[in-house]
Every structure is written in C-alpha cells, then in structure tokens.
Amino acid sequence: MKQLKTTNALIISLVAALTVGGCASSTSGGAYSRSQARQAQEVQMGTVESVRNVQIEGTRTPIGALTGAALGGVAGSMIGQGTRANTAGAIGGAVLGGMAGAAVEEGVTRQQGIEVTVRLDNGRMMAIAQGADQTFAPGERVKVITAADGTSRVTY
C-alpha cells in the first residue's frame, strides 16, 4: 500500500512539473506579454542585413528544482530499513533530485531561435534574438517594434 501511495505521489509531481514547463514565456516575434497589450510601442523600419540560428536558453525557476527535490526526497526515503537510513536517503535524494529537476526544466524550455540584424532607416544597426517562428532573409524590409519595457521584436 505504501508503494502505491509513493508511486501516485511521484506521478502527480511529474505531471505538475511537465505542466509548469509549458508555462514558460514566449520568445516569438508575434507574442506579446499581458503588460505590452494595449500599450503604444515604437516602430522603426529597416532592412534585414543578416539572420543566423541561435539557441535561446531555457528558464531556470525554483519550480524545477523544488519539484525534483520533492520527487528525489520521496524516492530517496525508500532506501534502507532504519530511520537514519531513510532520512539520509531522503536528504540525498532531495539534493540530487533538485539538481536534476533544475536541469530538466532548463532543457525542456530551451528553444531554437534566430538573431536578426537590421539596418534601420536612420543608419543604426540592431541585432534582435527571438523565437524562430518567422523567417527573414537579407534585403527584406521589416519593422522593429520596441516596447516601453525595452523588449524588441522583428516582424513584417
């Protein structure tokens, strides 16, 4: 019976961790944060100079580490027969689980992106990294949209 409860706890924790991983903010050129909606944004026109593939790091929040620590602690507490062995196993499992959970969260939320270098009409050059959901080619006319919070995006 104890084994079934432990298995159920592990499954619930894993589902929660995967659900949280899907909550990462978008780096798409077409996605706006709630605070950017209905806010005036500066628009500058320019020409694409170059485009290159980049990798955008995943998120590193305490959620991945805490979920991993909880799972590791539960799994580690099943080690040994005595109270001390269970405690040591739980502590060791929590530490290792926390490290693994943080790594899993970062890996799951990592994504492919692009860096678009744009020569603005005023002569300035800008390079903006964003999600790779749009394709750009050198010579194309684009808009660089900059929000009040400093975030910029390239779009048509």
C-alpha atoms as a PDB file:
ATOM      1  CA  MET A   1       0.000   0.000   0.000  1.00  0.00           C
ATOM      2  CA  LYS A   2       2.868   2.371   0.882  1.00  0.00           C
ATOM      3  CA  GLN A   3       4.460   1.604  -2.506  1.00  0.00           C
ATOM      4  CA  LEU A   4       1.207   2.568  -4.311  1.00  0.00           C
ATOM      5  CA  LYS A   5       0.959   5.898  -2.444  1.00  0.00           C
ATOM      6  CA  THR A   6       4.593   6.679  -3.250  1.00  0.00           C
ATOM      7  CA  THR A   7       4.079   5.822  -6.923  1.00  0.00           C
ATOM      8  CA  ASN A   8       0.975   8.027  -7.079  1.00  0.00           C
ATOM      9  CA  ALA A   9       2.858  10.916  -5.442  1.00  0.00           C
ATOM     10  CA  LEU A  10       5.673  10.566  -7.984  1.00  0.00           C
ATOM     11  CA  ILE A  11       3.226  10.547 -10.910  1.00  0.00           C
ATOM     12  CA  ILE A  12       1.377  13.628  -9.634  1.00  0.00           C
ATOM     13  CA  SER A  13       4.643  15.502  -9.083  1.00  0.00           C
ATOM     14  CA  LEU A  14       5.908  14.587 -12.549  1.00  0.00           C
ATOM     15  CA  VAL A  15       2.681  15.780 -14.207  1.00  0.00           C
ATOM     16  CA  ALA A  16       2.904  19.037 -12.258  1.00  0.00           C
ATOM     17  CA  ALA A  17       6.498  19.560 -13.353  1.00  0.00           C
ATOM     18  CA  LEU A  18       5.669  18.968 -17.003  1.00  0.00           C
ATOM     19  CA  THR A  19       2.677  21.315 -16.793  1.00  0.00           C
ATOM     20  CA  VAL A  20       4.796  24.083 -15.300  1.00  0.00           C
ATOM     21  CA  GLY A  21       7.381  23.598 -18.068  1.00  0.00           C
ATOM     22  CA  GLY A  22       4.688  24.565 -20.566  1.00  0.00           C
ATOM     23  CA  CYS A  23       4.154  27.899 -18.798  1.00  0.00           C
ATOM     24  CA  ALA A  24       7.397  29.457 -19.978  1.00  0.00           C
ATOM     25  CA  SER A  25       7.050  32.864 -21.574  1.00  0.00           C
ATOM     26  CA  SER A  26       7.166  33.015 -25.357  1.00  0.00           C
ATOM     27  CA  THR A  27      10.060  34.491 -27.307  1.00  0.00           C
ATOM     28  CA  SER A  28       8.041  34.547 -30.513  1.00  0.00           C
ATOM     29  CA  GLY A  29       8.068  37.706 -32.610  1.00  0.00           C
ATOM     30  CA  GLY A  30       4.271  37.501 -32.648  1.00  0.00           C
ATOM     31  CA  ALA A  31       3.703  37.036 -28.894  1.00  0.00           C
ATOM     32  CA  TYR A  32       3.035  39.905 -26.518  1.00  0.00           C
ATOM     33  CA  SER A  33       3.107  39.860 -22.725  1.00  0.00           C
ATOM     34  CA  ARG A  34      -0.033  40.933 -20.904  1.00  0.00           C
ATOM     35  CA  SER A  35       1.652  44.218 -19.878  1.00  0.00           C
ATOM     36  CA  GLN A  36       2.502  45.035 -23.518  1.00  0.00           C
ATOM     37  CA  ALA A  37      -1.085  44.670 -24.720  1.00  0.00           C
ATOM     38  CA  ARG A  38      -2.817  47.993 -25.420  1.00  0.00           C
ATOM     39  CA  GLN A  39       0.438  49.918 -24.905  1.00  0.00           C
ATOM     40  CA  ALA A  40       1.969  52.206 -27.522  1.00  0.00           C
ATOM     41  CA  GLN A  41       5.196  50.818 -28.941  1.00  0.00           C
ATOM     42  CA  GLU A  42       7.859  52.479 -31.050  1.00  0.00           C
ATOM     43  CA  VAL A  43       8.061  51.199 -34.635  1.00  0.00           C
ATOM     44  CA  GLN A  44      11.168  51.671 -36.768  1.00  0.00           C
ATOM     45  CA  MET A  45      11.557  50.489 -40.345  1.00  0.00           C
ATOM     46  CA  GLY A  46      14.706  48.815 -41.596  1.00  0.00           C
ATOM     47  CA  THR A  47      16.299  46.248 -43.853  1.00  0.00           C
ATOM     48  CA  VAL A  48      17.491  42.799 -42.784  1.00  0.00           C
ATOM     49  CA  GLU A  49      21.285  42.586 -43.038  1.00  0.00           C
ATOM     50  CA  SER A  50      21.731  39.028 -41.777  1.00  0.00           C
ATOM     51  CA  VAL A  51      19.997  36.167 -39.992  1.00  0.00           C
ATOM     52  CA  ARG A  52      21.606  33.369 -38.008  1.00  0.00           C
ATOM     53  CA  ASN A  53      20.329  30.491 -35.924  1.00  0.00           C
ATOM     54  CA  VAL A  54      20.798  30.733 -32.162  1.00  0.00           C
ATOM     55  CA  GLN A  55      19.702  28.743 -29.165  1.00  0.00           C
ATOM     56  CA  ILE A  56      17.621  30.502 -26.523  1.00  0.00           C
ATOM     57  CA  GLU A  57      18.318  29.252 -23.015  1.00  0.00           C
ATOM     58  CA  GLY A  58      15.511  27.631 -21.090  1.00  0.00           C
ATOM     59  CA  THR A  59      14.004  29.061 -17.944  1.00  0.00           C
ATOM     60  CA  ARG A  60      15.571  28.441 -14.557  1.00  0.00           C
ATOM     61  CA  THR A  61      12.951  28.954 -11.903  1.00  0.00           C
ATOM     62  CA  PRO A  62      12.793  27.379  -8.448  1.00  0.00           C
ATOM     63  CA  ILE A  63       9.866  25.241  -9.621  1.00  0.00           C
ATOM     64  CA  GLY A  64      12.017  22.692 -11.469  1.00  0.00           C
ATOM     65  CA  ALA A  65      14.436  22.328  -8.572  1.00  0.00           C
ATOM     66  CA  LEU A  66      11.669  22.104  -5.958  1.00  0.00           C
ATOM     67  CA  THR A  67       9.728  19.513  -7.946  1.00  0.00           C
ATOM     68  CA  GLY A  68      12.890  17.480  -8.459  1.00  0.00           C
ATOM     69  CA  ALA A  69      13.774  17.762  -4.770  1.00  0.00           C
ATOM     70  CA  ALA A  70      10.315  16.548  -3.757  1.00  0.00           C
ATOM     71  CA  LEU A  71      10.490  13.591  -6.125  1.00  0.00           C
ATOM     72  CA  GLY A  72      14.055  12.790  -5.080  1.00  0.00           C
ATOM     73  CA  GLY A  73      13.203  13.057  -1.398  1.00  0.00           C
ATOM     74  CA  VAL A  74      10.288  10.663  -1.737  1.00  0.00           C
ATOM     75  CA  ALA A  75      12.334   8.210  -3.799  1.00  0.00           C
ATOM     76  CA  GLY A  76      15.356   8.508  -1.503  1.00  0.00           C
ATOM     77  CA  SER A  77      13.299   7.881   1.641  1.00  0.00           C
ATOM     78  CA  MET A  78      12.524   4.417   0.340  1.00  0.00           C
ATOM     79  CA  ILE A  79      16.200   3.456   0.729  1.00  0.00           C
ATOM     80  CA  GLY A  80      17.200   1.416   3.772  1.00  0.00           C
ATOM     81  CA  GLN A  81      15.307  -0.119   6.637  1.00  0.00           C
ATOM     82  CA  GLY A  82      16.083   2.112   9.607  1.00  0.00           C
ATOM     83  CA  THR A  83      15.026   5.652  10.379  1.00  0.00           C
ATOM     84  CA  ARG A  84      18.553   7.026   9.866  1.00  0.00           C
ATOM     85  CA  ALA A  85      18.905   5.286   6.514  1.00  0.00           C
ATOM     86  CA  ASN A  86      15.527   6.617   5.404  1.00  0.00           C
ATOM     87  CA  THR A  87      16.457  10.151   6.492  1.00  0.00           C
ATOM     88  CA  ALA A  88      19.846  10.010   4.782  1.00  0.00           C
ATOM     89  CA  GLY A  89      18.242   8.618   1.641  1.00  0.00           C
ATOM     90  CA  ALA A  90      15.594  11.338   1.654  1.00  0.00           C
ATOM     91  CA  ILE A  91      18.184  14.109   2.047  1.00  0.00           C
ATOM     92  CA  GLY A  92      20.465  12.661  -0.631  1.00  0.00           C
ATOM     93  CA  GLY A  93      17.514  12.088  -2.942  1.00  0.00           C
ATOM     94  CA  ALA A  94      16.243  15.639  -2.424  1.00  0.00           C
ATOM     95  CA  VAL A  95      19.638  17.167  -3.238  1.00  0.00           C
ATOM     96  CA  LEU A  96      20.164  15.055  -6.357  1.00  0.00           C
ATOM     97  CA  GLY A  97      16.509  15.432  -7.380  1.00  0.00           C
ATOM     98  CA  GLY A  98      16.720  19.216  -7.040  1.00  0.00           C
ATOM     99  CA  MET A  99      19.752  19.356  -9.303  1.00  0.00           C
ATOM    100  CA  ALA A 100      18.129  17.026 -11.839  1.00  0.00           C
ATOM    101  CA  GLY A 101      14.828  18.947 -11.725  1.00  0.00           C
ATOM    102  CA  ALA A 102      16.547  22.251 -12.472  1.00  0.00           C
ATOM    103  CA  ALA A 103      18.404  20.679 -15.407  1.00  0.00           C
ATOM    104  CA  VAL A 104      15.219  19.106 -16.783  1.00  0.00           C
ATOM    105  CA  GLU A 105      13.328  22.415 -16.590  1.00  0.00           C
ATOM    106  CA  GLU A 106      16.103  24.238 -18.439  1.00  0.00           C
ATOM    107  CA  GLY A 107      16.270  21.557 -21.115  1.00  0.00           C
ATOM    108  CA  VAL A 108      12.512  21.328 -21.650  1.00  0.00           C
ATOM    109  CA  THR A 109      12.106  25.105 -22.061  1.00  0.00           C
ATOM    110  CA  ARG A 110      15.197  25.632 -24.267  1.00  0.00           C
ATOM    111  CA  GLN A 111      14.290  26.561 -27.848  1.00  0.00           C
ATOM    112  CA  GLN A 112      15.655  27.330 -31.269  1.00  0.00           C
ATOM    113  CA  GLY A 113      15.776  30.998 -32.150  1.00  0.00           C
ATOM    114  CA  ILE A 114      17.157  33.426 -34.682  1.00  0.00           C
ATOM    115  CA  GLU A 115      19.249  36.547 -34.405  1.00  0.00           C
ATOM    116  CA  VAL A 116      18.127  39.142 -36.959  1.00  0.00           C
ATOM    117  CA  THR A 117      20.495  42.029 -37.690  1.00  0.00           C
ATOM    118  CA  VAL A 118      18.621  45.021 -39.089  1.00  0.00           C
ATOM    119  CA  ARG A 119      19.950  48.269 -40.539  1.00  0.00           C
ATOM    120  CA  LEU A 120      17.375  50.851 -39.523  1.00  0.00           C
ATOM    121  CA  ASP A 121      16.429  53.639 -41.916  1.00  0.00           C
ATOM    122  CA  ASN A 122      18.277  56.117 -39.656  1.00  0.00           C
ATOM    123  CA  GLY A 123      21.521  54.145 -40.253  1.00  0.00           C
ATOM    124  CA  ARG A 124      21.703  52.417 -36.852  1.00  0.00           C
ATOM    125  CA  MET A 125      22.203  48.669 -36.675  1.00  0.00           C
ATOM    126  CA  MET A 126      20.272  46.429 -34.278  1.00  0.00           C
ATOM    127  CA  ALA A 127      20.513  42.706 -33.594  1.00  0.00           C
ATOM    128  CA  ILE A 128      17.467  41.073 -32.024  1.00  0.00           C
ATOM    129  CA  ALA A 129      17.208  37.449 -30.896  1.00  0.00           C
ATOM    130  CA  GLN A 130      13.740  35.935 -30.881  1.00  0.00           C
ATOM    131  CA  GLY A 131      11.933  32.650 -31.394  1.00  0.00           C
ATOM    132  CA  ALA A 132      12.323  31.102 -34.842  1.00  0.00           C
ATOM    133  CA  ASP A 133       8.628  31.252 -35.735  1.00  0.00           C
ATOM    134  CA  GLN A 134       9.132  33.631 -38.679  1.00  0.00           C
ATOM    135  CA  THR A 135      11.675  33.507 -41.478  1.00  0.00           C
ATOM    136  CA  PHE A 136      13.632  36.539 -42.636  1.00  0.00           C
ATOM    137  CA  ALA A 137      16.135  36.978 -45.457  1.00  0.00           C
ATOM    138  CA  PRO A 138      18.782  39.639 -46.095  1.00  0.00           C
ATOM    139  CA  GLY A 139      17.392  42.573 -48.061  1.00  0.00           C
ATOM    140  CA  GLU A 140      13.818  42.252 -46.760  1.00  0.00           C
ATOM    141  CA  ARG A 141      12.043  45.291 -45.318  1.00  0.00           C
ATOM    142  CA  VAL A 142      10.924  44.748 -41.727  1.00  0.00           C
ATOM    143  CA  LYS A 143       9.601  46.553 -38.683  1.00  0.00           C
ATOM    144  CA  VAL A 144      11.478  46.645 -35.392  1.00  0.00           C
ATOM    145  CA  ILE A 145       8.926  47.120 -32.622  1.00  0.00           C
ATOM    146  CA  THR A 146      10.216  48.230 -29.226  1.00  0.00           C
ATOM    147  CA  ALA A 147       8.013  48.205 -26.117  1.00  0.00           C
ATOM    148  CA  ALA A 148       8.332  50.570 -23.177  1.00  0.00           C
ATOM    149  CA  ASP A 149       9.986  47.778 -21.158  1.00  0.00           C
ATOM    150  CA  GLY A 150      12.795  47.617 -23.731  1.00  0.00           C
ATOM    151  CA  THR A 151      11.837  44.337 -25.378  1.00  0.00           C
ATOM    152  CA  SER A 152      12.078  44.431 -29.154  1.00  0.00           C
ATOM    153  CA  ARG A 153      10.875  42.158 -31.926  1.00  0.00           C
ATOM    154  CA  VAL A 154      11.287  41.943 -35.678  1.00  0.00           C
ATOM    155  CA  THR A 155       8.225  41.428 -37.835  1.00  0.00           C
ATOM    156  CA  TYR A 156       6.749  42.254 -41.229  1.00  0.00           C
END
